[in-house]
């Protein structure tokens, strides 16, 4: 009678143990997940770096335009100023 009880119990244990994913499958899933996360982070960092570079380029262009305008204004002011007496 005891043998009849042990056989189904061992079979049930074997069935439950065989149903889950193997250790290699679990490891492969972990690697795939970590790779996906790393790729996502790299994409976000690249986008942020591109945005920062675009901002820096825009600021440099504005500063260059302001400097050019200031130079043009100074030259226009000098050209419009009345001429002084010529020195002898």
C-alpha atoms as a PDB file:
ATOM      1  CA  UNK A   1       0.000   0.000   0.000  1.00  0.00           C
ATOM      2  CA  UNK A   2       2.854   2.342   0.796  1.00  0.00           C
ATOM      3  CA  UNK A   3       4.390   1.714  -2.592  1.00  0.00           C
ATOM      4  CA  UNK A   4       1.163   2.747  -4.272  1.00  0.00           C
ATOM      5  CA  UNK A   5       1.296   6.070  -2.443  1.00  0.00           C
ATOM      6  CA  UNK A   6       4.990   6.783  -3.231  1.00  0.00           C
ATOM      7  CA  UNK A   7       4.744   6.151  -6.960  1.00  0.00           C
ATOM      8  CA  UNK A   8       2.130   8.875  -7.657  1.00  0.00           C
ATOM      9  CA  UNK A   9       3.931  11.248  -5.292  1.00  0.00           C
ATOM     10  CA  UNK A  10       7.259  10.809  -7.109  1.00  0.00           C
ATOM     11  CA  UNK A  11       5.543  11.161 -10.483  1.00  0.00           C
ATOM     12  CA  UNK A  12       3.791  14.343  -9.378  1.00  0.00           C
ATOM     13  CA  UNK A  13       7.104  15.785  -8.165  1.00  0.00           C
ATOM     14  CA  UNK A  14       8.770  14.922 -11.474  1.00  0.00           C
ATOM     15  CA  UNK A  15       5.973  16.547 -13.450  1.00  0.00           C
ATOM     16  CA  UNK A  16       6.172  19.778 -11.413  1.00  0.00           C
ATOM     17  CA  UNK A  17       9.964  19.891 -11.706  1.00  0.00           C
ATOM     18  CA  UNK A  18       9.830  19.410 -15.473  1.00  0.00           C
ATOM     19  CA  UNK A  19       7.199  22.113 -16.094  1.00  0.00           C
ATOM     20  CA  UNK A  20       9.269  25.191 -15.270  1.00  0.00           C
ATOM     21  CA  UNK A  21      11.959  26.801 -17.411  1.00  0.00           C
ATOM     22  CA  UNK A  22      15.472  25.465 -17.098  1.00  0.00           C
ATOM     23  CA  UNK A  23      18.307  27.420 -15.514  1.00  0.00           C
ATOM     24  CA  UNK A  24      19.789  28.115 -18.947  1.00  0.00           C
ATOM     25  CA  UNK A  25      16.466  29.498 -20.168  1.00  0.00           C
ATOM     26  CA  UNK A  26      16.171  31.714 -17.094  1.00  0.00           C
ATOM     27  CA  UNK A  27      19.723  33.013 -17.614  1.00  0.00           C
ATOM     28  CA  UNK A  28      19.071  33.701 -21.297  1.00  0.00           C
ATOM     29  CA  UNK A  29      15.955  35.688 -20.382  1.00  0.00           C
ATOM     30  CA  UNK A  30      17.891  37.703 -17.779  1.00  0.00           C
ATOM     31  CA  UNK A  31      20.607  38.513 -20.334  1.00  0.00           C
ATOM     32  CA  UNK A  32      18.028  39.551 -22.930  1.00  0.00           C
ATOM     33  CA  UNK A  33      16.242  41.771 -20.407  1.00  0.00           C
ATOM     34  CA  UNK A  34      19.445  43.438 -19.243  1.00  0.00           C
ATOM     35  CA  UNK A  35      20.543  43.992 -22.852  1.00  0.00           C
ATOM     36  CA  UNK A  36      17.201  45.582 -23.674  1.00  0.00           C
ATOM     37  CA  UNK A  37      17.461  47.905 -20.671  1.00  0.00           C
ATOM     38  CA  UNK A  38      21.045  48.856 -21.548  1.00  0.00           C
ATOM     39  CA  UNK A  39      20.023  49.627 -25.137  1.00  0.00           C
ATOM     40  CA  UNK A  40      17.162  51.789 -23.915  1.00  0.00           C
ATOM     41  CA  UNK A  41      19.437  53.714 -21.566  1.00  0.00           C
ATOM     42  CA  UNK A  42      22.006  54.244 -24.317  1.00  0.00           C
ATOM     43  CA  UNK A  43      19.313  55.586 -26.633  1.00  0.00           C
ATOM     44  CA  UNK A  44      18.082  58.011 -23.982  1.00  0.00           C
ATOM     45  CA  UNK A  45      21.613  59.198 -23.195  1.00  0.00           C
ATOM     46  CA  UNK A  46      22.357  59.749 -26.889  1.00  0.00           C
ATOM     47  CA  UNK A  47      19.164  61.784 -27.286  1.00  0.00           C
ATOM     48  CA  UNK A  48      20.043  63.917 -24.252  1.00  0.00           C
ATOM     49  CA  UNK A  49      23.574  64.488 -25.569  1.00  0.00           C
ATOM     50  CA  UNK A  50      22.207  65.530 -28.960  1.00  0.00           C
ATOM     51  CA  UNK A  51      19.779  67.926 -27.300  1.00  0.00           C
ATOM     52  CA  UNK A  52      22.571  69.455 -25.197  1.00  0.00           C
ATOM     53  CA  UNK A  53      24.754  69.863 -28.304  1.00  0.00           C
ATOM     54  CA  UNK A  54      21.895  71.502 -30.204  1.00  0.00           C
ATOM     55  CA  UNK A  55      21.348  73.931 -27.309  1.00  0.00           C
ATOM     56  CA  UNK A  56      25.048  74.795 -27.195  1.00  0.00           C
ATOM     57  CA  UNK A  57      25.111  75.326 -30.967  1.00  0.00           C
ATOM     58  CA  UNK A  58      22.074  77.610 -30.773  1.00  0.00           C
ATOM     59  CA  UNK A  59      23.606  79.676 -27.995  1.00  0.00           C
ATOM     60  CA  UNK A  60      26.866  80.020 -29.916  1.00  0.00           C
ATOM     61  CA  UNK A  61      24.970  81.174 -33.013  1.00  0.00           C
ATOM     62  CA  UNK A  62      23.024  83.773 -31.006  1.00  0.00           C
ATOM     63  CA  UNK A  63      26.213  85.084 -29.394  1.00  0.00           C
ATOM     64  CA  UNK A  64      27.967  85.303 -32.780  1.00  0.00           C
ATOM     65  CA  UNK A  65      24.995  87.168 -34.270  1.00  0.00           C
ATOM     66  CA  UNK A  66      24.912  89.569 -31.319  1.00  0.00           C
ATOM     67  CA  UNK A  67      28.646  90.262 -31.662  1.00  0.00           C
ATOM     68  CA  UNK A  68      28.294  90.864 -35.412  1.00  0.00           C
ATOM     69  CA  UNK A  69      25.369  93.216 -34.798  1.00  0.00           C
ATOM     70  CA  UNK A  70      27.323  95.121 -32.133  1.00  0.00           C
ATOM     71  CA  UNK A  71      30.259  95.499 -34.522  1.00  0.00           C
ATOM     72  CA  UNK A  72      27.955  96.731 -37.285  1.00  0.00           C
ATOM     73  CA  UNK A  73      26.299  99.192 -34.896  1.00  0.00           C
ATOM     74  CA  UNK A  74      29.696 100.528 -33.799  1.00  0.00           C
ATOM     75  CA  UNK A  75      30.844 100.979 -37.392  1.00  0.00           C
ATOM     76  CA  UNK A  76      27.590 102.721 -38.274  1.00  0.00           C
ATOM     77  CA  UNK A  77      27.954 105.054 -35.296  1.00  0.00           C
ATOM     78  CA  UNK A  78      31.516 105.944 -36.304  1.00  0.00           C
ATOM     79  CA  UNK A  79      30.456 106.547 -39.908  1.00  0.00           C
ATOM     80  CA  UNK A  80      27.532 108.748 -38.842  1.00  0.00           C
ATOM     81  CA  UNK A  81      29.559 110.799 -36.347  1.00  0.00           C
ATOM     82  CA  UNK A  82      30.418 114.335 -37.488  1.00  0.00           C
ATOM     83  CA  UNK A  83      33.965 114.689 -38.674  1.00  0.00           C
ATOM     84  CA  UNK A  84      36.194 116.717 -36.403  1.00  0.00           C
ATOM     85  CA  UNK A  85      38.606 119.455 -37.426  1.00  0.00           C
ATOM     86  CA  UNK A  86      41.590 118.249 -39.309  1.00  0.00           C
ATOM     87  CA  UNK A  87      44.838 118.633 -37.425  1.00  0.00           C
ATOM     88  CA  UNK A  88      47.569 120.654 -38.971  1.00  0.00           C
END
